[in-house]
Amino acid sequence: MYFVFACLGALPVLAMAIYQYFSVAGNAAYACITGTVPADAAAPQETSLLASSKTAFPAGRYCEWESSSGGITTYQTGWITTILACVATILVVLMTILAIRERSPRKLFVALIPALLALVAWVTVFV
């Protein structure tokens, strides 16, 4: 039973990595220009985009625009998915610990699969 909950908990962590991949779409600058542009940005063109990057925490993209008032406007994606993934990671760790305590030693590797999937997802986000 704990193993099933650990597997379900690993899904939001994997979803975070997938979200980051599609949020950046290989090119953060292009994703910023074609994605959501803040209302007070000078113009949704490549020339008004000051900086763009893929971010690990939160897992998404960071866009920095010239503001129409002369300042700088920023836009960051991924907060909701990252917070859900953090909570899900805690759930995966707890359920994996409980699954290990419940299972026999030869089924230890199977009980560790959700935790390993979550770890791979986090490594993918930070790399």
N, C-alpha and C. Protein backbone atom coordinates (compact mmCIF):
# COMPACT_ATOMS: atom_id res chain seq x y z
N MET A 1 0.82 -1.20 0.00
CA MET A 1 0.00 0.00 0.00
C MET A 1 0.87 1.27 0.00
N TYR A 2 1.92 1.26 0.83
CA TYR A 2 2.81 2.42 0.88
C TYR A 2 3.54 2.61 -0.45
N PHE A 3 3.86 1.50 -1.08
CA PHE A 3 4.54 1.55 -2.38
C PHE A 3 3.66 2.26 -3.41
N VAL A 4 2.37 1.99 -3.40
CA VAL A 4 1.44 2.61 -4.33
C VAL A 4 1.38 4.12 -4.09
N PHE A 5 1.33 4.53 -2.83
CA PHE A 5 1.31 5.96 -2.52
C PHE A 5 2.63 6.63 -2.91
N ALA A 6 3.73 5.92 -2.75
CA ALA A 6 5.02 6.47 -3.16
C ALA A 6 5.06 6.65 -4.67
N CYS A 7 4.51 5.69 -5.41
CA CYS A 7 4.44 5.81 -6.87
C CYS A 7 3.57 6.99 -7.29
N LEU A 8 2.44 7.15 -6.63
CA LEU A 8 1.56 8.28 -6.94
C LEU A 8 2.23 9.60 -6.59
N GLY A 9 3.01 9.62 -5.53
CA GLY A 9 3.73 10.83 -5.14
C GLY A 9 4.83 11.19 -6.12
N ALA A 10 5.39 10.19 -6.79
CA ALA A 10 6.46 10.46 -7.75
C ALA A 10 5.94 11.13 -9.02
N LEU A 11 4.66 11.00 -9.30
CA LEU A 11 4.09 11.59 -10.53
C LEU A 11 4.22 13.11 -10.59
N PRO A 12 3.89 13.87 -9.52
CA PRO A 12 4.07 15.33 -9.61
C PRO A 12 5.54 15.74 -9.75
N VAL A 13 6.44 14.95 -9.20
CA VAL A 13 7.87 15.27 -9.34
C VAL A 13 8.30 15.08 -10.79
N LEU A 14 7.85 14.00 -11.40
CA LEU A 14 8.14 13.78 -12.82
C LEU A 14 7.46 14.85 -13.68
N ALA A 15 6.27 15.26 -13.29
CA ALA A 15 5.55 16.30 -14.04
C ALA A 15 6.30 17.63 -13.98
N MET A 16 6.97 17.90 -12.86
CA MET A 16 7.75 19.14 -12.75
C MET A 16 8.88 19.15 -13.77
N ALA A 17 9.57 18.03 -13.91
CA ALA A 17 10.67 17.96 -14.87
C ALA A 17 10.15 18.11 -16.30
N ILE A 18 9.02 17.49 -16.58
CA ILE A 18 8.42 17.60 -17.92
C ILE A 18 7.96 19.03 -18.17
N TYR A 19 7.37 19.67 -17.16
CA TYR A 19 6.93 21.07 -17.30
C TYR A 19 8.11 21.98 -17.61
N GLN A 20 9.21 21.79 -16.89
CA GLN A 20 10.38 22.63 -17.14
C GLN A 20 10.88 22.44 -18.56
N TYR A 21 10.91 21.20 -19.03
CA TYR A 21 11.38 20.94 -20.38
C TYR A 21 10.51 21.68 -21.41
N PHE A 22 9.21 21.59 -21.27
CA PHE A 22 8.33 22.25 -22.23
C PHE A 22 8.22 23.75 -22.00
N SER A 23 8.47 24.22 -20.79
CA SER A 23 8.43 25.65 -20.51
C SER A 23 9.57 26.38 -21.20
N VAL A 24 10.72 25.75 -21.24
CA VAL A 24 11.88 26.36 -21.90
C VAL A 24 11.88 26.04 -23.39
N ALA A 25 11.44 24.86 -23.75
CA ALA A 25 11.32 24.42 -25.15
C ALA A 25 12.64 24.52 -25.91
N GLY A 26 13.74 24.24 -25.23
CA GLY A 26 15.04 24.24 -25.89
C GLY A 26 15.70 25.60 -25.98
N ASN A 27 14.95 26.67 -25.97
CA ASN A 27 15.51 28.01 -26.11
C ASN A 27 14.72 28.95 -25.21
N ALA A 28 15.31 29.39 -24.12
CA ALA A 28 14.61 30.21 -23.15
C ALA A 28 14.17 31.56 -23.74
N ALA A 29 15.01 32.17 -24.57
CA ALA A 29 14.66 33.46 -25.16
C ALA A 29 13.43 33.34 -26.06
N TYR A 30 13.42 32.31 -26.88
CA TYR A 30 12.26 32.10 -27.76
C TYR A 30 11.01 31.81 -26.95
N ALA A 31 11.15 31.00 -25.88
CA ALA A 31 10.01 30.69 -25.02
C ALA A 31 9.49 31.94 -24.33
N CYS A 32 10.39 32.85 -23.96
CA CYS A 32 9.95 34.10 -23.32
C CYS A 32 9.18 34.99 -24.30
N ILE A 33 9.66 35.05 -25.52
CA ILE A 33 9.02 35.91 -26.51
C ILE A 33 7.66 35.36 -26.93
N THR A 34 7.57 34.06 -27.11
CA THR A 34 6.31 33.47 -27.55
C THR A 34 5.37 33.14 -26.41
N GLY A 35 5.86 33.15 -25.18
CA GLY A 35 5.03 32.82 -24.02
C GLY A 35 4.33 34.05 -23.47
N THR A 36 3.99 33.98 -22.20
CA THR A 36 3.32 35.09 -21.54
C THR A 36 4.27 36.27 -21.38
N VAL A 37 3.81 37.42 -21.83
CA VAL A 37 4.60 38.65 -21.71
C VAL A 37 3.88 39.55 -20.72
N PRO A 38 4.59 40.11 -19.72
CA PRO A 38 3.95 41.01 -18.77
C PRO A 38 3.30 42.21 -19.46
N ALA A 39 2.22 42.68 -18.90
CA ALA A 39 1.46 43.77 -19.52
C ALA A 39 2.27 45.07 -19.60
N ASP A 40 3.16 45.29 -18.64
CA ASP A 40 3.92 46.54 -18.65
C ASP A 40 5.26 46.43 -19.37
N ALA A 41 5.47 45.34 -20.12
CA ALA A 41 6.70 45.22 -20.91
C ALA A 41 6.66 46.25 -22.04
N ALA A 42 7.83 46.75 -22.42
CA ALA A 42 7.90 47.80 -23.44
C ALA A 42 7.25 47.36 -24.74
N ALA A 43 7.61 46.21 -25.21
CA ALA A 43 7.00 45.64 -26.42
C ALA A 43 7.37 44.17 -26.44
N PRO A 44 6.44 43.32 -26.78
CA PRO A 44 6.75 41.89 -26.79
C PRO A 44 7.59 41.50 -28.00
N GLN A 45 8.78 42.09 -28.08
CA GLN A 45 9.69 41.81 -29.17
C GLN A 45 11.02 41.33 -28.60
N GLU A 46 11.84 40.85 -29.47
CA GLU A 46 13.13 40.34 -29.04
C GLU A 46 14.02 41.45 -28.48
N THR A 47 13.84 42.67 -28.95
CA THR A 47 14.71 43.78 -28.51
C THR A 47 14.41 44.22 -27.08
N SER A 48 13.18 44.03 -26.61
CA SER A 48 12.86 44.45 -25.26
C SER A 48 13.15 43.35 -24.23
N LEU A 49 13.52 42.16 -24.67
CA LEU A 49 13.89 41.07 -23.78
C LEU A 49 15.34 41.27 -23.36
N LEU A 50 15.57 41.49 -22.06
CA LEU A 50 16.92 41.75 -21.57
C LEU A 50 17.66 40.46 -21.21
N ALA A 51 16.96 39.54 -20.56
CA ALA A 51 17.60 38.29 -20.14
C ALA A 51 16.57 37.18 -20.11
N SER A 52 17.05 35.98 -20.35
CA SER A 52 16.18 34.80 -20.26
C SER A 52 17.05 33.61 -19.90
N SER A 53 16.48 32.71 -19.11
CA SER A 53 17.23 31.52 -18.73
C SER A 53 16.30 30.44 -18.21
N LYS A 54 16.80 29.23 -18.27
CA LYS A 54 16.13 28.08 -17.65
C LYS A 54 16.50 28.11 -16.17
N THR A 55 15.53 27.96 -15.30
CA THR A 55 15.81 28.00 -13.88
C THR A 55 15.51 26.65 -13.24
N ALA A 56 16.29 26.32 -12.21
CA ALA A 56 16.10 25.05 -11.51
C ALA A 56 15.13 25.18 -10.35
N PHE A 57 15.18 26.30 -9.65
CA PHE A 57 14.25 26.48 -8.54
C PHE A 57 13.70 27.89 -8.60
N PRO A 58 12.50 28.06 -9.03
CA PRO A 58 11.51 27.09 -9.46
C PRO A 58 11.86 26.53 -10.83
N ALA A 59 11.38 25.34 -11.09
CA ALA A 59 11.66 24.67 -12.35
C ALA A 59 10.83 25.30 -13.45
N GLY A 60 11.46 26.10 -14.27
CA GLY A 60 10.76 26.79 -15.34
C GLY A 60 11.70 27.70 -16.09
N ARG A 61 11.21 28.89 -16.43
CA ARG A 61 12.05 29.85 -17.14
C ARG A 61 11.92 31.22 -16.48
N TYR A 62 12.97 32.01 -16.64
CA TYR A 62 13.02 33.36 -16.11
C TYR A 62 13.17 34.31 -17.29
N CYS A 63 12.31 35.33 -17.34
CA CYS A 63 12.35 36.32 -18.41
C CYS A 63 12.44 37.71 -17.78
N GLU A 64 13.31 38.51 -18.33
CA GLU A 64 13.48 39.89 -17.86
C GLU A 64 13.26 40.82 -19.04
N TRP A 65 12.28 41.72 -18.89
CA TRP A 65 11.88 42.62 -19.96
C TRP A 65 12.13 44.07 -19.58
N GLU A 66 12.31 44.90 -20.60
CA GLU A 66 12.29 46.35 -20.38
C GLU A 66 10.85 46.74 -20.09
N SER A 67 10.67 47.57 -19.09
CA SER A 67 9.33 48.04 -18.76
C SER A 67 9.00 49.27 -19.59
N SER A 68 7.73 49.50 -19.82
CA SER A 68 7.33 50.68 -20.58
C SER A 68 7.61 51.96 -19.79
N SER A 69 7.77 51.84 -18.47
CA SER A 69 8.09 53.00 -17.64
C SER A 69 9.60 53.22 -17.52
N GLY A 70 10.39 52.38 -18.17
CA GLY A 70 11.84 52.55 -18.15
C GLY A 70 12.56 51.61 -17.20
N GLY A 71 11.85 50.88 -16.39
CA GLY A 71 12.48 49.96 -15.45
C GLY A 71 12.61 48.56 -16.04
N ILE A 72 12.61 47.60 -15.13
CA ILE A 72 12.73 46.20 -15.55
C ILE A 72 11.54 45.42 -14.99
N THR A 73 10.96 44.58 -15.83
CA THR A 73 9.85 43.71 -15.43
C THR A 73 10.33 42.26 -15.59
N THR A 74 10.03 41.45 -14.59
CA THR A 74 10.44 40.04 -14.66
C THR A 74 9.21 39.14 -14.68
N TYR A 75 9.44 37.95 -15.23
CA TYR A 75 8.39 36.93 -15.28
C TYR A 75 9.05 35.59 -15.00
N GLN A 76 8.52 34.86 -14.06
CA GLN A 76 9.08 33.56 -13.67
C GLN A 76 7.99 32.51 -13.71
N THR A 77 8.26 31.39 -14.38
CA THR A 77 7.30 30.30 -14.42
C THR A 77 7.75 29.19 -13.48
N GLY A 78 6.84 28.32 -13.13
CA GLY A 78 7.18 27.10 -12.43
C GLY A 78 7.00 27.06 -10.93
N TRP A 79 6.51 28.11 -10.30
CA TRP A 79 6.39 28.09 -8.84
C TRP A 79 5.41 27.03 -8.36
N ILE A 80 4.27 26.94 -8.97
CA ILE A 80 3.24 25.99 -8.51
C ILE A 80 3.73 24.55 -8.67
N THR A 81 4.27 24.24 -9.84
CA THR A 81 4.73 22.86 -10.05
C THR A 81 5.89 22.51 -9.14
N THR A 82 6.76 23.47 -8.85
CA THR A 82 7.90 23.20 -7.97
C THR A 82 7.45 22.99 -6.53
N ILE A 83 6.51 23.78 -6.06
CA ILE A 83 6.00 23.61 -4.70
C ILE A 83 5.29 22.27 -4.57
N LEU A 84 4.47 21.91 -5.57
CA LEU A 84 3.82 20.60 -5.54
C LEU A 84 4.84 19.47 -5.58
N ALA A 85 5.90 19.64 -6.34
CA ALA A 85 6.94 18.61 -6.42
C ALA A 85 7.70 18.48 -5.10
N CYS A 86 7.91 19.59 -4.40
CA CYS A 86 8.57 19.52 -3.09
C CYS A 86 7.72 18.76 -2.08
N VAL A 87 6.43 19.06 -2.05
CA VAL A 87 5.52 18.34 -1.14
C VAL A 87 5.46 16.87 -1.54
N ALA A 88 5.39 16.60 -2.84
CA ALA A 88 5.34 15.22 -3.32
C ALA A 88 6.62 14.47 -2.99
N THR A 89 7.75 15.15 -3.03
CA THR A 89 9.02 14.51 -2.69
C THR A 89 9.04 14.08 -1.22
N ILE A 90 8.54 14.93 -0.38
CA ILE A 90 8.44 14.57 1.05
C ILE A 90 7.54 13.36 1.21
N LEU A 91 6.42 13.34 0.51
CA LEU A 91 5.51 12.20 0.55
C LEU A 91 6.20 10.92 0.05
N VAL A 92 6.94 11.03 -1.05
CA VAL A 92 7.64 9.87 -1.59
C VAL A 92 8.65 9.32 -0.59
N VAL A 93 9.40 10.21 0.05
CA VAL A 93 10.40 9.76 1.03
C VAL A 93 9.72 9.05 2.20
N LEU A 94 8.66 9.65 2.73
CA LEU A 94 7.96 9.02 3.86
C LEU A 94 7.35 7.68 3.47
N MET A 95 6.69 7.62 2.33
CA MET A 95 6.07 6.37 1.90
C MET A 95 7.11 5.30 1.57
N THR A 96 8.26 5.72 1.05
CA THR A 96 9.32 4.75 0.77
C THR A 96 9.90 4.18 2.06
N ILE A 97 10.06 5.02 3.05
CA ILE A 97 10.55 4.54 4.35
C ILE A 97 9.56 3.53 4.94
N LEU A 98 8.29 3.86 4.88
CA LEU A 98 7.28 2.94 5.39
C LEU A 98 7.21 1.66 4.56
N ALA A 99 7.40 1.76 3.25
CA ALA A 99 7.38 0.57 2.40
C ALA A 99 8.58 -0.33 2.69
N ILE A 100 9.72 0.28 2.94
CA ILE A 100 10.92 -0.51 3.26
C ILE A 100 10.74 -1.24 4.58
N ARG A 101 10.15 -0.59 5.54
CA ARG A 101 9.93 -1.22 6.85
C ARG A 101 8.94 -2.37 6.75
N GLU A 102 8.03 -2.30 5.79
CA GLU A 102 6.99 -3.31 5.65
C GLU A 102 7.44 -4.51 4.81
N ARG A 103 8.35 -4.34 3.91
CA ARG A 103 8.73 -5.36 2.93
C ARG A 103 9.92 -6.19 3.42
N SER A 104 10.09 -7.32 2.75
CA SER A 104 11.24 -8.17 3.02
C SER A 104 12.48 -7.59 2.34
N PRO A 105 13.67 -7.94 2.79
CA PRO A 105 14.90 -7.36 2.21
C PRO A 105 15.07 -7.61 0.72
N ARG A 106 14.57 -8.70 0.18
CA ARG A 106 14.75 -8.95 -1.26
C ARG A 106 13.87 -8.07 -2.12
N LYS A 107 12.86 -7.45 -1.55
CA LYS A 107 12.00 -6.54 -2.29
C LYS A 107 12.39 -5.07 -2.04
N LEU A 108 13.56 -4.88 -1.47
CA LEU A 108 14.02 -3.54 -1.14
C LEU A 108 14.17 -2.68 -2.39
N PHE A 109 14.73 -3.23 -3.46
CA PHE A 109 14.93 -2.46 -4.68
C PHE A 109 13.61 -1.98 -5.27
N VAL A 110 12.62 -2.82 -5.25
CA VAL A 110 11.30 -2.44 -5.78
C VAL A 110 10.72 -1.29 -4.96
N ALA A 111 10.89 -1.33 -3.65
CA ALA A 111 10.38 -0.27 -2.79
C ALA A 111 11.10 1.06 -3.02
N LEU A 112 12.33 1.00 -3.52
CA LEU A 112 13.11 2.22 -3.76
C LEU A 112 12.85 2.86 -5.13
N ILE A 113 12.13 2.19 -6.00
CA ILE A 113 11.91 2.70 -7.36
C ILE A 113 11.27 4.09 -7.37
N PRO A 114 10.19 4.37 -6.62
CA PRO A 114 9.62 5.72 -6.66
C PRO A 114 10.60 6.80 -6.18
N ALA A 115 11.37 6.49 -5.16
CA ALA A 115 12.35 7.46 -4.67
C ALA A 115 13.44 7.70 -5.70
N LEU A 116 13.86 6.66 -6.40
CA LEU A 116 14.86 6.81 -7.45
C LEU A 116 14.32 7.62 -8.63
N LEU A 117 13.05 7.40 -8.98
CA LEU A 117 12.43 8.21 -10.04
C LEU A 117 12.36 9.68 -9.66
N ALA A 118 12.00 9.95 -8.40
CA ALA A 118 11.95 11.34 -7.93
C ALA A 118 13.34 11.96 -7.95
N LEU A 119 14.34 11.20 -7.55
CA LEU A 119 15.71 11.70 -7.55
C LEU A 119 16.17 12.02 -8.98
N VAL A 120 15.86 11.15 -9.91
CA VAL A 120 16.22 11.38 -11.31
C VAL A 120 15.53 12.63 -11.84
N ALA A 121 14.27 12.84 -11.47
CA ALA A 121 13.54 14.04 -11.91
C ALA A 121 14.20 15.30 -11.36
N TRP A 122 14.58 15.31 -10.09
CA TRP A 122 15.23 16.48 -9.51
C TRP A 122 16.60 16.72 -10.15
N VAL A 123 17.35 15.67 -10.42
CA VAL A 123 18.64 15.82 -11.08
C VAL A 123 18.44 16.39 -12.48
N THR A 124 17.43 15.93 -13.18
CA THR A 124 17.13 16.44 -14.51
C THR A 124 16.81 17.94 -14.48
N VAL A 125 16.10 18.36 -13.47
CA VAL A 125 15.74 19.78 -13.35
C VAL A 125 16.97 20.64 -13.08
N PHE A 126 17.88 20.17 -12.25
CA PHE A 126 19.04 20.98 -11.87
C PHE A 126 20.18 20.91 -12.88
N VAL A 127 20.11 19.99 -13.82
CA VAL A 127 21.20 19.89 -14.80
C VAL A 127 20.90 20.66 -16.04
